[in-house]
Amino acid sequence: MSDETNGATTAGGETFLELFQIRPDIPFDHAFEELSVLLGCIRHLTREAEMEGDRQAGSAARILSDFAKALINDMERGRSRQR
């Protein structure tokens, strides 16, 4: 992990689907692990949707994509807060 993100935490407050919110003060190393899992799920579901024409997999990928984007946005806010 770079010095820039070492000790950094999520800002908290970023929302997705108007129902969920990123918690504040989650260490970046943990947030990156969760983000990696999310992106792996999105990749799998996207392939399923493309290969099988599975609309449910496509919808799930879209929802998880929104979650991943919210986490990335919140981590950026946390990184900016640390500077």
PDB file of N, CA and C in Angstrom:
ATOM      1  N   MET A   1       0.858  -1.178   0.000  1.00  0.00           N
ATOM      2  CA  MET A   1       0.000   0.000   0.000  1.00  0.00           C
ATOM      3  C   MET A   1       0.898   1.233   0.000  1.00  0.00           C
ATOM      4  N   SER A   2       0.532   2.235  -0.756  1.00  0.00           N
ATOM      5  CA  SER A   2       1.356   3.434  -0.855  1.00  0.00           C
ATOM      6  C   SER A   2       1.260   4.264   0.417  1.00  0.00           C
ATOM      7  N   ASP A   3       2.243   5.146   0.601  1.00  0.00           N
ATOM      8  CA  ASP A   3       2.218   6.047   1.758  1.00  0.00           C
ATOM      9  C   ASP A   3       0.984   6.942   1.728  1.00  0.00           C
ATOM     10  N   GLU A   4       0.503   7.231   0.514  1.00  0.00           N
ATOM     11  CA  GLU A   4      -0.644   8.115   0.365  1.00  0.00           C
ATOM     12  C   GLU A   4      -1.912   7.509   0.968  1.00  0.00           C
ATOM     13  N   THR A   5      -2.052   6.192   0.883  1.00  0.00           N
ATOM     14  CA  THR A   5      -3.259   5.544   1.409  1.00  0.00           C
ATOM     15  C   THR A   5      -3.027   4.863   2.750  1.00  0.00           C
ATOM     16  N   ASN A   6      -1.787   4.774   3.188  1.00  0.00           N
ATOM     17  CA  ASN A   6      -1.482   4.142   4.463  1.00  0.00           C
ATOM     18  C   ASN A   6      -2.104   4.945   5.596  1.00  0.00           C
ATOM     19  N   GLY A   7      -2.976   4.300   6.350  1.00  0.00           N
ATOM     20  CA  GLY A   7      -3.649   4.978   7.453  1.00  0.00           C
ATOM     21  C   GLY A   7      -4.909   5.707   7.047  1.00  0.00           C
ATOM     22  N   ALA A   8      -5.193   5.748   5.752  1.00  0.00           N
ATOM     23  CA  ALA A   8      -6.398   6.433   5.276  1.00  0.00           C
ATOM     24  C   ALA A   8      -7.628   5.585   5.566  1.00  0.00           C
ATOM     25  N   THR A   9      -8.746   6.245   5.751  1.00  0.00           N
ATOM     26  CA  THR A   9     -10.013   5.563   6.008  1.00  0.00           C
ATOM     27  C   THR A   9     -11.109   6.173   5.143  1.00  0.00           C
ATOM     28  N   THR A  10     -12.202   5.442   5.025  1.00  0.00           N
ATOM     29  CA  THR A  10     -13.341   5.956   4.265  1.00  0.00           C
ATOM     30  C   THR A  10     -13.906   7.185   4.959  1.00  0.00           C
ATOM     31  N   ALA A  11     -14.477   8.067   4.163  1.00  0.00           N
ATOM     32  CA  ALA A  11     -15.074   9.292   4.711  1.00  0.00           C
ATOM     33  C   ALA A  11     -16.426   8.992   5.340  1.00  0.00           C
ATOM     34  N   GLY A  12     -17.155   8.088   4.719  1.00  0.00           N
ATOM     35  CA  GLY A  12     -18.505   7.780   5.191  1.00  0.00           C
ATOM     36  C   GLY A  12     -19.503   8.761   4.618  1.00  0.00           C
ATOM     37  N   GLY A  13     -20.704   8.277   4.410  1.00  0.00           N
ATOM     38  CA  GLY A  13     -21.756   9.154   3.942  1.00  0.00           C
ATOM     39  C   GLY A  13     -22.140   8.960   2.498  1.00  0.00           C
ATOM     40  N   GLU A  14     -21.245   8.390   1.671  1.00  0.00           N
ATOM     41  CA  GLU A  14     -21.593   8.149   0.271  1.00  0.00           C
ATOM     42  C   GLU A  14     -22.709   7.103   0.227  1.00  0.00           C
ATOM     43  N   THR A  15     -23.745   7.373  -0.542  1.00  0.00           N
ATOM     44  CA  THR A  15     -24.893   6.464  -0.585  1.00  0.00           C
ATOM     45  C   THR A  15     -25.012   5.796  -1.948  1.00  0.00           C
ATOM     46  N   PHE A  16     -25.745   4.689  -1.966  1.00  0.00           N
ATOM     47  CA  PHE A  16     -26.097   4.045  -3.223  1.00  0.00           C
ATOM     48  C   PHE A  16     -27.470   3.424  -3.063  1.00  0.00           C
ATOM     49  N   LEU A  17     -28.231   3.453  -4.134  1.00  0.00           N
ATOM     50  CA  LEU A  17     -29.619   2.977  -4.165  1.00  0.00           C
ATOM     51  C   LEU A  17     -30.490   3.683  -3.133  1.00  0.00           C
ATOM     52  N   GLU A  18     -30.085   4.825  -2.682  1.00  0.00           N
ATOM     53  CA  GLU A  18     -30.825   5.646  -1.714  1.00  0.00           C
ATOM     54  C   GLU A  18     -31.200   4.890  -0.444  1.00  0.00           C
ATOM     55  N   LEU A  19     -30.610   3.735  -0.242  1.00  0.00           N
ATOM     56  CA  LEU A  19     -30.936   2.914   0.916  1.00  0.00           C
ATOM     57  C   LEU A  19     -29.694   2.570   1.728  1.00  0.00           C
ATOM     58  N   PHE A  20     -28.555   2.482   1.070  1.00  0.00           N
ATOM     59  CA  PHE A  20     -27.330   2.051   1.721  1.00  0.00           C
ATOM     60  C   PHE A  20     -26.324   3.196   1.773  1.00  0.00           C
ATOM     61  N   GLN A  21     -25.426   3.108   2.742  1.00  0.00           N
ATOM     62  CA  GLN A  21     -24.439   4.164   2.935  1.00  0.00           C
ATOM     63  C   GLN A  21     -23.120   3.544   3.371  1.00  0.00           C
ATOM     64  N   ILE A  22     -22.012   4.083   2.856  1.00  0.00           N
ATOM     65  CA  ILE A  22     -20.684   3.634   3.253  1.00  0.00           C
ATOM     66  C   ILE A  22     -20.416   4.119   4.676  1.00  0.00           C
ATOM     67  N   ARG A  23     -19.912   3.239   5.513  1.00  0.00           N
ATOM     68  CA  ARG A  23     -19.594   3.615   6.888  1.00  0.00           C
ATOM     69  C   ARG A  23     -18.286   4.399   6.935  1.00  0.00           C
ATOM     70  N   PRO A  24     -18.177   5.358   7.844  1.00  0.00           N
ATOM     71  CA  PRO A  24     -16.927   6.121   7.963  1.00  0.00           C
ATOM     72  C   PRO A  24     -15.854   5.318   8.697  1.00  0.00           C
ATOM     73  N   ASP A  25     -14.615   5.722   8.491  1.00  0.00           N
ATOM     74  CA  ASP A  25     -13.452   5.220   9.226  1.00  0.00           C
ATOM     75  C   ASP A  25     -13.142   3.742   9.013  1.00  0.00           C
ATOM     76  N   ILE A  26     -13.499   3.212   7.842  1.00  0.00           N
ATOM     77  CA  ILE A  26     -13.088   1.860   7.477  1.00  0.00           C
ATOM     78  C   ILE A  26     -11.704   1.984   6.842  1.00  0.00           C
ATOM     79  N   PRO A  27     -10.691   1.256   7.355  1.00  0.00           N
ATOM     80  CA  PRO A  27      -9.343   1.353   6.780  1.00  0.00           C
ATOM     81  C   PRO A  27      -9.330   0.999   5.292  1.00  0.00           C
ATOM     82  N   PHE A  28      -8.519   1.708   4.533  1.00  0.00           N
ATOM     83  CA  PHE A  28      -8.465   1.485   3.100  1.00  0.00           C
ATOM     84  C   PHE A  28      -8.110   0.051   2.746  1.00  0.00           C
ATOM     85  N   ASP A  29      -7.239  -0.602   3.492  1.00  0.00           N
ATOM     86  CA  ASP A  29      -6.880  -1.971   3.131  1.00  0.00           C
ATOM     87  C   ASP A  29      -8.111  -2.874   3.160  1.00  0.00           C
ATOM     88  N   HIS A  30      -8.984  -2.685   4.119  1.00  0.00           N
ATOM     89  CA  HIS A  30     -10.223  -3.464   4.183  1.00  0.00           C
ATOM     90  C   HIS A  30     -11.177  -3.053   3.058  1.00  0.00           C
ATOM     91  N   ALA A  31     -11.286  -1.766   2.813  1.00  0.00           N
ATOM     92  CA  ALA A  31     -12.167  -1.276   1.747  1.00  0.00           C
ATOM     93  C   ALA A  31     -11.710  -1.793   0.386  1.00  0.00           C
ATOM     94  N   PHE A  32     -10.392  -1.837   0.141  1.00  0.00           N
ATOM     95  CA  PHE A  32      -9.876  -2.367  -1.120  1.00  0.00           C
ATOM     96  C   PHE A  32     -10.184  -3.855  -1.258  1.00  0.00           C
ATOM     97  N   GLU A  33     -10.109  -4.602  -0.172  1.00  0.00           N
ATOM     98  CA  GLU A  33     -10.458  -6.024  -0.222  1.00  0.00           C
ATOM     99  C   GLU A  33     -11.921  -6.202  -0.620  1.00  0.00           C
ATOM    100  N   GLU A  34     -12.791  -5.423   0.001  1.00  0.00           N
ATOM    101  CA  GLU A  34     -14.221  -5.501  -0.324  1.00  0.00           C
ATOM    102  C   GLU A  34     -14.481  -5.077  -1.766  1.00  0.00           C
ATOM    103  N   LEU A  35     -13.783  -4.050  -2.203  1.00  0.00           N
ATOM    104  CA  LEU A  35     -13.936  -3.573  -3.570  1.00  0.00           C
ATOM    105  C   LEU A  35     -13.501  -4.647  -4.563  1.00  0.00           C
ATOM    106  N   SER A  36     -12.426  -5.339  -4.275  1.00  0.00           N
ATOM    107  CA  SER A  36     -11.954  -6.411  -5.144  1.00  0.00           C
ATOM    108  C   SER A  36     -12.990  -7.527  -5.257  1.00  0.00           C
ATOM    109  N   VAL A  37     -13.600  -7.903  -4.144  1.00  0.00           N
ATOM    110  CA  VAL A  37     -14.642  -8.929  -4.162  1.00  0.00           C
ATOM    111  C   VAL A  37     -15.825  -8.454  -4.998  1.00  0.00           C
ATOM    112  N   LEU A  38     -16.250  -7.212  -4.786  1.00  0.00           N
ATOM    113  CA  LEU A  38     -17.369  -6.665  -5.551  1.00  0.00           C
ATOM    114  C   LEU A  38     -17.088  -6.679  -7.053  1.00  0.00           C
ATOM    115  N   LEU A  39     -15.907  -6.238  -7.433  1.00  0.00           N
ATOM    116  CA  LEU A  39     -15.570  -6.194  -8.850  1.00  0.00           C
ATOM    117  C   LEU A  39     -15.499  -7.599  -9.448  1.00  0.00           C
ATOM    118  N   GLY A  40     -15.052  -8.577  -8.667  1.00  0.00           N
ATOM    119  CA  GLY A  40     -15.061  -9.965  -9.134  1.00  0.00           C
ATOM    120  C   GLY A  40     -16.481 -10.458  -9.376  1.00  0.00           C
ATOM    121  N   CYS A  41     -17.391 -10.131  -8.484  1.00  0.00           N
ATOM    122  CA  CYS A  41     -18.801 -10.509  -8.650  1.00  0.00           C
ATOM    123  C   CYS A  41     -19.405  -9.832  -9.873  1.00  0.00           C
ATOM    124  N   ILE A  42     -19.096  -8.560 -10.045  1.00  0.00           N
ATOM    125  CA  ILE A  42     -19.613  -7.816 -11.196  1.00  0.00           C
ATOM    126  C   ILE A  42     -19.116  -8.452 -12.494  1.00  0.00           C
ATOM    127  N   ARG A  43     -17.850  -8.797 -12.518  1.00  0.00           N
ATOM    128  CA  ARG A  43     -17.263  -9.421 -13.710  1.00  0.00           C
ATOM    129  C   ARG A  43     -17.973 -10.741 -14.025  1.00  0.00           C
ATOM    130  N   HIS A  44     -18.168 -11.562 -13.012  1.00  0.00           N
ATOM    131  CA  HIS A  44     -18.834 -12.850 -13.203  1.00  0.00           C
ATOM    132  C   HIS A  44     -20.268 -12.656 -13.698  1.00  0.00           C
ATOM    133  N   LEU A  45     -21.021 -11.783 -13.024  1.00  0.00           N
ATOM    134  CA  LEU A  45     -22.412 -11.567 -13.402  1.00  0.00           C
ATOM    135  C   LEU A  45     -22.549 -10.969 -14.794  1.00  0.00           C
ATOM    136  N   THR A  46     -21.630 -10.094 -15.168  1.00  0.00           N
ATOM    137  CA  THR A  46     -21.657  -9.496 -16.500  1.00  0.00           C
ATOM    138  C   THR A  46     -21.433 -10.568 -17.563  1.00  0.00           C
ATOM    139  N   ARG A  47     -20.487 -11.461 -17.312  1.00  0.00           N
ATOM    140  CA  ARG A  47     -20.257 -12.553 -18.257  1.00  0.00           C
ATOM    141  C   ARG A  47     -21.485 -13.448 -18.376  1.00  0.00           C
ATOM    142  N   GLU A  48     -22.099 -13.771 -17.238  1.00  0.00           N
ATOM    143  CA  GLU A  48     -23.311 -14.576 -17.247  1.00  0.00           C
ATOM    144  C   GLU A  48     -24.401 -13.910 -18.080  1.00  0.00           C
ATOM    145  N   ALA A  49     -24.574 -12.625 -17.853  1.00  0.00           N
ATOM    146  CA  ALA A  49     -25.611 -11.888 -18.580  1.00  0.00           C
ATOM    147  C   ALA A  49     -25.333 -11.871 -20.072  1.00  0.00           C
ATOM    148  N   GLU A  50     -24.067 -11.709 -20.447  1.00  0.00           N
ATOM    149  CA  GLU A  50     -23.713 -11.665 -21.862  1.00  0.00           C
ATOM    150  C   GLU A  50     -23.874 -13.022 -22.525  1.00  0.00           C
ATOM    151  N   MET A  51     -23.430 -14.083 -21.845  1.00  0.00           N
ATOM    152  CA  MET A  51     -23.428 -15.412 -22.439  1.00  0.00           C
ATOM    153  C   MET A  51     -24.817 -16.050 -22.452  1.00  0.00           C
ATOM    154  N   GLU A  52     -25.567 -15.828 -21.400  1.00  0.00           N
ATOM    155  CA  GLU A  52     -26.859 -16.495 -21.256  1.00  0.00           C
ATOM    156  C   GLU A  52     -28.051 -15.585 -21.532  1.00  0.00           C
ATOM    157  N   GLY A  53     -27.798 -14.310 -21.704  1.00  0.00           N
ATOM    158  CA  GLY A  53     -28.903 -13.368 -21.865  1.00  0.00           C
ATOM    159  C   GLY A  53     -29.739 -13.271 -20.601  1.00  0.00           C
ATOM    160  N   ASP A  54     -29.068 -13.424 -19.459  1.00  0.00           N
ATOM    161  CA  ASP A  54     -29.735 -13.457 -18.151  1.00  0.00           C
ATOM    162  C   ASP A  54     -29.956 -12.034 -17.648  1.00  0.00           C
ATOM    163  N   ARG A  55     -31.192 -11.577 -17.722  1.00  0.00           N
ATOM    164  CA  ARG A  55     -31.508 -10.207 -17.290  1.00  0.00           C
ATOM    165  C   ARG A  55     -31.304 -10.034 -15.794  1.00  0.00           C
ATOM    166  N   GLN A  56     -31.567 -11.090 -15.016  1.00  0.00           N
ATOM    167  CA  GLN A  56     -31.396 -10.999 -13.572  1.00  0.00           C
ATOM    168  C   GLN A  56     -29.918 -10.800 -13.224  1.00  0.00           C
ATOM    169  N   ALA A  57     -29.032 -11.511 -13.899  1.00  0.00           N
ATOM    170  CA  ALA A  57     -27.594 -11.327 -13.681  1.00  0.00           C
ATOM    171  C   ALA A  57     -27.175  -9.917 -14.075  1.00  0.00           C
ATOM    172  N   GLY A  58     -27.745  -9.406 -15.157  1.00  0.00           N
ATOM    173  CA  GLY A  58     -27.438  -8.040 -15.587  1.00  0.00           C
ATOM    174  C   GLY A  58     -27.888  -7.011 -14.566  1.00  0.00           C
ATOM    175  N   SER A  59     -29.060  -7.226 -13.988  1.00  0.00           N
ATOM    176  CA  SER A  59     -29.558  -6.312 -12.950  1.00  0.00           C
ATOM    177  C   SER A  59     -28.693  -6.381 -11.702  1.00  0.00           C
ATOM    178  N   ALA A  60     -28.296  -7.593 -11.314  1.00  0.00           N
ATOM    179  CA  ALA A  60     -27.433  -7.751 -10.146  1.00  0.00           C
ATOM    180  C   ALA A  60     -26.084  -7.074 -10.375  1.00  0.00           C
ATOM    181  N   ALA A  61     -25.540  -7.210 -11.576  1.00  0.00           N
ATOM    182  CA  ALA A  61     -24.271  -6.561 -11.897  1.00  0.00           C
ATOM    183  C   ALA A  61     -24.399  -5.043 -11.809  1.00  0.00           C
ATOM    184  N   ARG A  62     -25.513  -4.511 -12.289  1.00  0.00           N
ATOM    185  CA  ARG A  62     -25.730  -3.060 -12.225  1.00  0.00           C
ATOM    186  C   ARG A  62     -25.797  -2.581 -10.780  1.00  0.00           C
ATOM    187  N   ILE A  63     -26.512  -3.304  -9.933  1.00  0.00           N
ATOM    188  CA  ILE A  63     -26.632  -2.927  -8.524  1.00  0.00           C
ATOM    189  C   ILE A  63     -25.272  -2.986  -7.828  1.00  0.00           C
ATOM    190  N   LEU A  64     -24.522  -4.064  -8.046  1.00  0.00           N
ATOM    191  CA  LEU A  64     -23.199  -4.172  -7.443  1.00  0.00           C
ATOM    192  C   LEU A  64     -22.247  -3.123  -7.998  1.00  0.00           C
ATOM    193  N   SER A  65     -22.429  -2.766  -9.254  1.00  0.00           N
ATOM    194  CA  SER A  65     -21.614  -1.707  -9.845  1.00  0.00           C
ATOM    195  C   SER A  65     -21.871  -0.373  -9.153  1.00  0.00           C
ATOM    196  N   ASP A  66     -23.130  -0.093  -8.852  1.00  0.00           N
ATOM    197  CA  ASP A  66     -23.467   1.136  -8.106  1.00  0.00           C
ATOM    198  C   ASP A  66     -22.795   1.137  -6.740  1.00  0.00           C
ATOM    199  N   PHE A  67     -22.787  -0.014  -6.094  1.00  0.00           N
ATOM    200  CA  PHE A  67     -22.158  -0.147  -4.779  1.00  0.00           C
ATOM    201  C   PHE A  67     -20.652   0.089  -4.887  1.00  0.00           C
ATOM    202  N   ALA A  68     -20.012  -0.528  -5.873  1.00  0.00           N
ATOM    203  CA  ALA A  68     -18.578  -0.351  -6.058  1.00  0.00           C
ATOM    204  C   ALA A  68     -18.233   1.107  -6.339  1.00  0.00           C
ATOM    205  N   LYS A  69     -19.032   1.763  -7.158  1.00  0.00           N
ATOM    206  CA  LYS A  69     -18.791   3.172  -7.476  1.00  0.00           C
ATOM    207  C   LYS A  69     -18.919   4.048  -6.236  1.00  0.00           C
ATOM    208  N   ALA A  70     -19.918   3.768  -5.400  1.00  0.00           N
ATOM    209  CA  ALA A  70     -20.077   4.529  -4.160  1.00  0.00           C
ATOM    210  C   ALA A  70     -18.865   4.333  -3.252  1.00  0.00           C
ATOM    211  N   LEU A  71     -18.362   3.109  -3.181  1.00  0.00           N
ATOM    212  CA  LEU A  71     -17.190   2.846  -2.343  1.00  0.00           C
ATOM    213  C   LEU A  71     -15.970   3.590  -2.874  1.00  0.00           C
ATOM    214  N   ILE A  72     -15.773   3.571  -4.168  1.00  0.00           N
ATOM    215  CA  ILE A  72     -14.646   4.304  -4.761  1.00  0.00           C
ATOM    216  C   ILE A  72     -14.775   5.801  -4.489  1.00  0.00           C
ATOM    217  N   ASN A  73     -15.966   6.356  -4.683  1.00  0.00           N
ATOM    218  CA  ASN A  73     -16.173   7.786  -4.421  1.00  0.00           C
ATOM    219  C   ASN A  73     -15.882   8.128  -2.969  1.00  0.00           C
ATOM    220  N   ASP A  74     -16.333   7.270  -2.056  1.00  0.00           N
ATOM    221  CA  ASP A  74     -16.133   7.527  -0.640  1.00  0.00           C
ATOM    222  C   ASP A  74     -14.657   7.422  -0.264  1.00  0.00           C
ATOM    223  N   MET A  75     -13.958   6.472  -0.856  1.00  0.00           N
ATOM    224  CA  MET A  75     -12.524   6.340  -0.587  1.00  0.00           C
ATOM    225  C   MET A  75     -11.774   7.575  -1.097  1.00  0.00           C
ATOM    226  N   GLU A  76     -12.184   8.092  -2.228  1.00  0.00           N
ATOM    227  CA  GLU A  76     -11.565   9.328  -2.737  1.00  0.00           C
ATOM    228  C   GLU A  76     -11.785  10.482  -1.773  1.00  0.00           C
ATOM    229  N   ARG A  77     -12.996  10.588  -1.230  1.00  0.00           N
ATOM    230  CA  ARG A  77     -13.272  11.630  -0.234  1.00  0.00           C
ATOM    231  C   ARG A  77     -12.408  11.428   1.006  1.00  0.00           C
ATOM    232  N   GLY A  78     -12.234  10.181   1.419  1.00  0.00           N
ATOM    233  CA  GLY A  78     -11.389   9.892   2.571  1.00  0.00           C
ATOM    234  C   GLY A  78      -9.932  10.230   2.317  1.00  0.00           C
ATOM    235  N   ARG A  79      -9.465   9.947   1.123  1.00  0.00           N
ATOM    236  CA  ARG A  79      -8.077  10.267   0.754  1.00  0.00           C
ATOM    237  C   ARG A  79      -7.863  11.769   0.715  1.00  0.00           C
ATOM    238  N   SER A  80      -8.825  12.500   0.190  1.00  0.00           N
ATOM    239  CA  SER A  80      -8.737  13.960   0.134  1.00  0.00           C
ATOM    240  C   SER A  80      -8.771  14.558   1.531  1.00  0.00           C
ATOM    241  N   ARG A  81      -9.539  13.952   2.406  1.00  0.00           N
ATOM    242  CA  ARG A  81      -9.656  14.424   3.796  1.00  0.00           C
ATOM    243  C   ARG A  81      -8.331  14.264   4.524  1.00  0.00           C
ATOM    244  N   GLN A  82      -7.572  13.236   4.173  1.00  0.00           N
ATOM    245  CA  GLN A  82      -6.303  12.961   4.848  1.00  0.00           C
ATOM    246  C   GLN A  82      -5.226  13.979   4.484  1.00  0.00           C
ATOM    247  N   ARG A  83      -5.306  14.546   3.310  1.00  0.00           N
ATOM    248  CA  ARG A  83      -4.260  15.475   2.828  1.00  0.00           C
ATOM    249  C   ARG A  83      -4.191  16.718   3.633  1.00  0.00           C
TER     250      ARG A  83
END
